[in-house]
Amino acid sequence: MAKEVLEKRKYTTITIPTILFQKLHEQIKKTGFSSVSDYATYILRETVSEMELRKTKKTDVPNVMEKLRALGYIK
């Protein structure tokens, strides 16, 4: 049921410490972000993207190595 609710909602709320919110609020003054929420979303997207890239790199290395072996480039 919780999954169904999340699929219907476009946004959800997360809770962060007030001090972190204040630090993010100070940082956005130096950027083009209009809100802490927009900035936090950007940071989270970048972090998730980086994590997925690392995961892909780890799983791709054995595949690439096997293809290179099959082509005779490495032993």
C-alpha atoms as a PDB file:
ATOM      1  CA  MET A   1       0.000   0.000   0.000  1.00  0.00           C
ATOM      2  CA  ALA A   2       2.808   2.451   0.831  1.00  0.00           C
ATOM      3  CA  LYS A   3       4.265   1.903  -2.638  1.00  0.00           C
ATOM      4  CA  GLU A   4       0.912   2.767  -4.220  1.00  0.00           C
ATOM      5  CA  VAL A   5       0.718   6.008  -2.233  1.00  0.00           C
ATOM      6  CA  LEU A   6       4.248   6.997  -3.269  1.00  0.00           C
ATOM      7  CA  GLU A   7       3.477   6.266  -6.909  1.00  0.00           C
ATOM      8  CA  LYS A   8       0.435   8.567  -6.791  1.00  0.00           C
ATOM      9  CA  ARG A   9       2.320  11.424  -5.121  1.00  0.00           C
ATOM     10  CA  LYS A  10       4.695  13.542  -7.123  1.00  0.00           C
ATOM     11  CA  TYR A  11       6.650  14.733  -4.073  1.00  0.00           C
ATOM     12  CA  THR A  12       7.280  13.605  -0.538  1.00  0.00           C
ATOM     13  CA  THR A  13       8.778  15.224   2.542  1.00  0.00           C
ATOM     14  CA  ILE A  14      12.065  14.397   4.219  1.00  0.00           C
ATOM     15  CA  THR A  15      13.254  15.661   7.565  1.00  0.00           C
ATOM     16  CA  ILE A  16      16.740  17.082   8.079  1.00  0.00           C
ATOM     17  CA  PRO A  17      18.337  18.708  11.116  1.00  0.00           C
ATOM     18  CA  THR A  18      17.676  22.446  11.414  1.00  0.00           C
ATOM     19  CA  ILE A  19      21.385  23.252  11.466  1.00  0.00           C
ATOM     20  CA  LEU A  20      21.842  21.436   8.142  1.00  0.00           C
ATOM     21  CA  PHE A  21      18.887  23.318   6.676  1.00  0.00           C
ATOM     22  CA  GLN A  22      20.462  26.589   7.779  1.00  0.00           C
ATOM     23  CA  LYS A  23      23.809  25.675   6.201  1.00  0.00           C
ATOM     24  CA  LEU A  24      22.105  24.753   2.937  1.00  0.00           C
ATOM     25  CA  HIS A  25      20.129  27.979   3.062  1.00  0.00           C
ATOM     26  CA  GLU A  26      23.381  29.932   3.344  1.00  0.00           C
ATOM     27  CA  GLN A  27      24.896  28.004   0.436  1.00  0.00           C
ATOM     28  CA  ILE A  28      22.023  28.688  -1.950  1.00  0.00           C
ATOM     29  CA  LYS A  29      22.572  32.420  -1.576  1.00  0.00           C
ATOM     30  CA  LYS A  30      25.704  31.911  -3.693  1.00  0.00           C
ATOM     31  CA  THR A  31      23.887  29.870  -6.355  1.00  0.00           C
ATOM     32  CA  GLY A  32      20.934  30.061  -8.701  1.00  0.00           C
ATOM     33  CA  PHE A  33      18.800  27.762  -6.549  1.00  0.00           C
ATOM     34  CA  SER A  34      15.556  29.305  -5.373  1.00  0.00           C
ATOM     35  CA  SER A  35      14.991  27.075  -2.335  1.00  0.00           C
ATOM     36  CA  VAL A  36      16.696  24.651  -0.006  1.00  0.00           C
ATOM     37  CA  SER A  37      14.367  21.963  -1.327  1.00  0.00           C
ATOM     38  CA  ASP A  38      15.553  22.526  -4.917  1.00  0.00           C
ATOM     39  CA  TYR A  39      19.173  22.489  -3.795  1.00  0.00           C
ATOM     40  CA  ALA A  40      18.735  19.344  -1.694  1.00  0.00           C
ATOM     41  CA  THR A  41      17.011  17.632  -4.626  1.00  0.00           C
ATOM     42  CA  TYR A  42      19.934  18.543  -6.873  1.00  0.00           C
ATOM     43  CA  ILE A  43      22.467  17.221  -4.347  1.00  0.00           C
ATOM     44  CA  LEU A  44      20.537  13.985  -3.871  1.00  0.00           C
ATOM     45  CA  ARG A  45      20.171  13.424  -7.626  1.00  0.00           C
ATOM     46  CA  GLU A  46      23.900  13.958  -8.127  1.00  0.00           C
ATOM     47  CA  THR A  47      24.703  11.568  -5.282  1.00  0.00           C
ATOM     48  CA  VAL A  48      22.367   8.847  -6.562  1.00  0.00           C
ATOM     49  CA  SER A  49      23.704   9.268 -10.099  1.00  0.00           C
ATOM     50  CA  GLU A  50      27.271   8.940  -8.863  1.00  0.00           C
ATOM     51  CA  MET A  51      26.405   5.831  -6.849  1.00  0.00           C
ATOM     52  CA  GLU A  52      24.720   4.246  -9.869  1.00  0.00           C
ATOM     53  CA  LEU A  53      27.733   5.069 -12.030  1.00  0.00           C
ATOM     54  CA  ARG A  54      30.077   3.422  -9.529  1.00  0.00           C
ATOM     55  CA  LYS A  55      27.829   0.368  -9.403  1.00  0.00           C
ATOM     56  CA  THR A  56      27.799   0.170 -13.204  1.00  0.00           C
ATOM     57  CA  LYS A  57      31.577   0.516 -13.407  1.00  0.00           C
ATOM     58  CA  LYS A  58      32.048  -2.323 -10.917  1.00  0.00           C
ATOM     59  CA  THR A  59      29.752  -4.647 -12.837  1.00  0.00           C
ATOM     60  CA  ASP A  60      31.030  -3.640 -16.274  1.00  0.00           C
ATOM     61  CA  VAL A  61      34.723  -4.283 -15.615  1.00  0.00           C
ATOM     62  CA  PRO A  62      34.418  -8.095 -15.630  1.00  0.00           C
ATOM     63  CA  ASN A  63      32.279  -7.935 -18.781  1.00  0.00           C
ATOM     64  CA  VAL A  64      34.786  -5.712 -20.572  1.00  0.00           C
ATOM     65  CA  MET A  65      37.668  -7.915 -19.466  1.00  0.00           C
ATOM     66  CA  GLU A  66      35.895 -11.005 -20.789  1.00  0.00           C
ATOM     67  CA  LYS A  67      35.222  -9.320 -24.133  1.00  0.00           C
ATOM     68  CA  LEU A  68      38.880  -8.268 -24.401  1.00  0.00           C
ATOM     69  CA  ARG A  69      39.951 -11.840 -23.613  1.00  0.00           C
ATOM     70  CA  ALA A  70      37.570 -13.216 -26.237  1.00  0.00           C
ATOM     71  CA  LEU A  71      39.024 -10.823 -28.807  1.00  0.00           C
ATOM     72  CA  GLY A  72      42.566 -11.888 -27.888  1.00  0.00           C
ATOM     73  CA  TYR A  73      43.698  -8.534 -26.492  1.00  0.00           C
ATOM     74  CA  ILE A  74      44.467  -9.926 -23.033  1.00  0.00           C
ATOM     75  CA  LYS A  75      45.256 -13.391 -21.692  1.00  0.00           C
END
